[in-house]
Amino acid sequence: MNALILVDLQYDFMPGGALAVTDGDQVVAVANRLMPHVDMVVATKDWHPTKHMSFASQHEGRSVGEVVQLDGLDQVLWPDHCIQGTPGADLHKALNTQRIHHVVRKGTNTRIDSYSGFFDNGHRQTTELATLLRKSDVTDVVVMGLATDYCVKSTALDAVEFGLNTTLINDGCRGVDLNPGDVDRSVADMQAVGVRVMDANRWIDESGRTRRD
């Protein structure tokens, strides 16, 4: 069994959103193209409380992009985004949500951010994602979404830790690149632990050949 993990394809990460990733909306078509070729589709969503401590607005005198210590962890400060129940937290309307089997919400604890779809940033609490994949006998995951250098990277690295064969769809991702080179370094970090990197068309072609065999 394989699963496609769509990371945070939400309006606040799209052009015009509170934490817009350049060309973020262009990955939605890639997601839709991949969906018919996998056994399961899971979407993650940032789902932050109103006063989440990753928001710069909660730290007087601090600005977006600064790094602070939050309960013993480095925390990049972000604009208020993906607040529970707001339009910015919705999945993009062009995404084929009829094919999504499960939605995993993360970042719900006010005191700690959650980039990964599996854990919070301190690996102190898990989401339901690992259990969901295990119960469905998933052995291979395909990861794509927003943003390459944060939530996508963390999700892919944790997937490897869980023993899943993990592929990053590079044309299905866009990055923040807060510091120039962050995206390239993130891809290299993923490859270093065994994540395969390929574009969607190649993955579809290889997947089709594997299933025919």
Protein backbone atom coordinates (compact mmCIF):
# COMPACT_ATOMS: atom_id res chain seq x y z
CA MET A 1 0.00 0.00 0.00
CA ASN A 2 1.15 3.51 -0.71
CA ALA A 3 -0.12 6.88 0.41
CA LEU A 4 0.14 10.42 -0.88
CA ILE A 5 0.71 12.96 1.89
CA LEU A 6 -0.38 16.46 0.87
CA VAL A 7 1.25 18.93 3.22
CA ASP A 8 -0.67 22.09 4.10
CA LEU A 9 -2.28 23.02 0.78
CA GLN A 10 -4.16 25.79 2.57
CA TYR A 11 -5.08 29.29 1.47
CA ASP A 12 -2.81 31.07 3.93
CA PHE A 13 0.20 29.46 2.22
CA MET A 14 -1.03 30.39 -1.24
CA PRO A 15 -0.45 33.71 -3.06
CA GLY A 16 -2.44 36.38 -1.24
CA GLY A 17 -2.45 34.39 2.00
CA ALA A 18 -1.10 35.44 5.38
CA LEU A 19 2.07 33.37 4.93
CA ALA A 20 2.20 33.11 1.17
CA VAL A 21 4.70 30.80 -0.48
CA THR A 22 5.71 31.99 -3.94
CA ASP A 23 3.81 30.02 -6.60
CA GLY A 24 2.32 27.82 -3.90
CA ASP A 25 -0.93 27.47 -5.79
CA GLN A 26 0.87 25.79 -8.69
CA VAL A 27 1.34 22.57 -6.73
CA VAL A 28 -2.40 21.91 -6.47
CA ALA A 29 -2.56 20.59 -10.03
CA VAL A 30 0.34 18.25 -9.26
CA ALA A 31 -1.56 16.88 -6.27
CA ASN A 32 -4.66 16.25 -8.36
CA ARG A 33 -2.59 14.48 -11.00
CA LEU A 34 -1.04 12.12 -8.47
CA MET A 35 -4.21 11.16 -6.60
CA PRO A 36 -5.55 8.51 -9.03
CA HIS A 37 -2.25 6.64 -8.84
CA VAL A 38 -2.12 5.99 -5.08
CA ASP A 39 -4.03 3.80 -2.65
CA MET A 40 -4.65 6.48 -0.04
CA VAL A 41 -4.54 10.28 0.14
CA VAL A 42 -3.94 12.12 3.41
CA ALA A 43 -3.89 15.90 3.72
CA THR A 44 -2.32 17.74 6.63
CA LYS A 45 -3.55 21.12 7.84
CA ASP A 46 -2.03 23.68 10.13
CA TRP A 47 -4.82 24.31 12.64
CA HIS A 48 -3.62 26.96 15.02
CA PRO A 49 -5.41 28.51 18.00
CA THR A 50 -5.89 32.28 17.77
CA LYS A 51 -2.94 33.13 20.02
CA HIS A 52 -0.48 30.49 18.93
CA MET A 53 2.99 31.24 20.27
CA SER A 54 4.61 30.77 16.86
CA PHE A 55 2.95 34.04 15.83
CA ALA A 56 5.13 37.16 15.97
CA SER A 57 2.06 39.03 17.23
CA GLN A 58 2.35 37.15 20.53
CA HIS A 59 5.89 38.41 21.21
CA GLU A 60 6.10 42.12 21.95
CA GLY A 61 8.87 43.85 20.05
CA ARG A 62 9.58 40.85 17.85
CA SER A 63 9.19 40.62 14.07
CA VAL A 64 8.29 37.94 11.56
CA GLY A 65 11.35 35.85 10.71
CA GLU A 66 13.07 36.28 14.06
CA VAL A 67 13.94 33.18 16.06
CA VAL A 68 13.05 32.92 19.75
CA GLN A 69 13.22 30.20 22.37
CA LEU A 70 9.85 28.61 23.08
CA ASP A 71 9.77 25.96 25.80
CA GLY A 72 13.35 24.97 25.02
CA LEU A 73 13.01 24.92 21.23
CA ASP A 74 14.08 27.39 18.57
CA GLN A 75 10.96 28.92 17.05
CA VAL A 76 10.78 31.02 13.88
CA LEU A 77 8.14 33.68 14.33
CA TRP A 78 5.47 33.74 11.64
CA PRO A 79 2.53 35.97 10.74
CA ASP A 80 -0.80 34.85 12.19
CA HIS A 81 -1.90 32.08 9.84
CA CYS A 82 -4.15 29.03 9.47
CA ILE A 83 -6.23 29.95 12.49
CA GLN A 84 -8.84 27.35 13.32
CA GLY A 85 -12.10 27.87 11.46
CA THR A 86 -10.90 30.75 9.29
CA PRO A 87 -10.87 30.78 5.46
CA GLY A 88 -7.07 30.87 5.50
CA ALA A 89 -7.02 27.42 7.09
CA ASP A 90 -9.17 25.89 4.33
CA LEU A 91 -7.73 23.61 1.70
CA HIS A 92 -7.48 25.24 -1.73
CA LYS A 93 -10.75 25.02 -3.63
CA ALA A 94 -9.06 23.58 -6.73
CA LEU A 95 -7.82 20.58 -4.76
CA ASN A 96 -9.80 17.42 -5.48
CA THR A 97 -10.91 16.88 -1.89
CA GLN A 98 -13.25 14.05 -2.93
CA ARG A 99 -10.18 11.84 -3.24
CA ILE A 100 -8.78 12.74 0.20
CA HIS A 101 -9.37 9.92 2.67
CA HIS A 102 -8.21 11.67 5.84
CA VAL A 103 -7.28 15.15 7.05
CA VAL A 104 -4.71 15.41 9.86
CA ARG A 105 -4.70 18.63 11.87
CA LYS A 106 -1.49 19.82 13.51
CA GLY A 107 -0.21 22.81 15.43
CA THR A 108 -3.17 22.76 17.78
CA ASN A 109 -1.11 23.20 20.98
CA THR A 110 -0.64 26.91 21.66
CA ARG A 111 2.83 26.39 23.15
CA ILE A 112 4.52 24.39 20.41
CA ASP A 113 4.59 24.46 16.62
CA SER A 114 4.11 21.37 14.48
CA TYR A 115 5.78 21.37 11.10
CA SER A 116 5.61 17.61 10.63
CA GLY A 117 2.41 15.75 9.92
CA PHE A 118 3.58 13.12 12.42
CA PHE A 119 4.83 15.06 15.48
CA ASP A 120 5.07 18.47 17.05
CA ASN A 121 8.47 20.12 16.72
CA GLY A 122 9.71 18.67 20.00
CA HIS A 123 8.47 15.15 19.21
CA ARG A 124 6.51 15.39 22.45
CA GLN A 125 3.11 14.52 21.00
CA THR A 126 2.09 12.57 17.93
CA THR A 127 -0.74 13.17 15.52
CA GLU A 128 -2.87 10.28 14.29
CA LEU A 129 -0.94 10.04 11.01
CA ALA A 130 1.48 7.22 11.89
CA THR A 131 -1.30 5.08 13.38
CA LEU A 132 -3.49 5.73 10.37
CA LEU A 133 -0.79 4.62 7.93
CA ARG A 134 0.14 1.60 10.01
CA LYS A 135 -3.46 0.39 10.28
CA SER A 136 -3.79 0.71 6.52
CA ASP A 137 -0.60 -1.32 5.93
CA VAL A 138 1.06 1.58 4.14
CA THR A 139 4.74 0.93 3.39
CA ASP A 140 5.45 3.72 0.89
CA VAL A 141 4.62 7.39 1.08
CA VAL A 142 4.82 10.16 -1.50
CA VAL A 143 5.20 13.61 0.07
CA MET A 144 4.54 17.00 -1.50
CA GLY A 145 3.16 20.40 -0.57
CA LEU A 146 4.12 23.56 1.32
CA ALA A 147 6.65 24.46 2.29
CA THR A 148 9.67 22.44 1.19
CA ASP A 149 12.03 23.77 3.85
CA TYR A 150 9.66 23.47 6.80
CA CYS A 151 6.58 21.27 6.93
CA VAL A 152 7.39 19.11 3.90
CA LYS A 153 10.93 18.45 5.09
CA SER A 154 9.84 17.61 8.63
CA THR A 155 7.10 15.29 7.41
CA ALA A 156 9.45 13.45 5.04
CA LEU A 157 12.17 13.03 7.67
CA ASP A 158 9.69 11.64 10.18
CA ALA A 159 8.25 9.28 7.57
CA VAL A 160 11.73 7.80 7.15
CA GLU A 161 12.05 7.50 10.94
CA PHE A 162 8.86 5.44 10.92
CA GLY A 163 10.44 3.07 8.40
CA LEU A 164 8.39 4.21 5.43
CA ASN A 165 9.85 4.25 1.93
CA THR A 166 9.61 7.95 1.21
CA THR A 167 9.58 9.90 -2.05
CA LEU A 168 9.56 13.68 -2.38
CA ILE A 169 7.76 15.04 -5.44
CA ASN A 170 9.96 18.02 -6.20
CA ASP A 171 7.64 19.74 -8.68
CA GLY A 172 4.84 19.37 -6.13
CA CYS A 173 6.63 21.56 -3.57
CA ARG A 174 7.49 25.20 -3.10
CA GLY A 175 9.68 26.67 -0.37
CA VAL A 176 9.95 29.74 1.84
CA ASP A 177 13.75 30.15 1.53
CA LEU A 178 13.80 32.50 4.53
CA ASN A 179 17.58 32.24 4.30
CA PRO A 180 18.81 31.86 0.72
CA GLY A 181 19.64 28.22 0.04
CA ASP A 182 17.25 26.82 2.67
CA VAL A 183 15.25 24.90 0.07
CA ASP A 184 18.30 23.28 -1.53
CA ARG A 185 19.73 22.38 1.88
CA SER A 186 16.41 20.87 2.91
CA VAL A 187 16.26 18.65 -0.17
CA ALA A 188 19.83 17.54 0.49
CA ASP A 189 18.95 16.74 4.11
CA MET A 190 16.07 14.58 2.95
CA GLN A 191 18.18 12.77 0.39
CA ALA A 192 20.85 12.13 3.03
CA VAL A 193 18.45 9.94 5.02
CA GLY A 194 17.19 8.04 1.99
CA VAL A 195 14.31 10.12 0.63
CA ARG A 196 14.01 9.67 -3.14
CA VAL A 197 13.45 12.87 -5.09
CA MET A 198 11.67 12.90 -8.44
CA ASP A 199 9.05 14.78 -10.40
CA ALA A 200 5.41 13.71 -10.56
CA ASN A 201 5.48 12.38 -14.11
CA ARG A 202 8.44 10.13 -13.42
CA TRP A 203 6.82 8.81 -10.24
CA ILE A 204 3.55 8.09 -12.04
CA ASP A 205 5.43 6.28 -14.79
CA GLU A 206 7.45 4.17 -12.35
CA SER A 207 4.40 3.46 -10.23
CA GLY A 208 2.46 2.29 -13.28
CA ARG A 209 5.23 -0.05 -14.33
CA THR A 210 5.51 -1.47 -10.81
CA ARG A 211 1.79 -2.19 -10.65
CA ARG A 212 1.80 -3.84 -14.07
CA ASP A 213 4.71 -6.02 -13.00
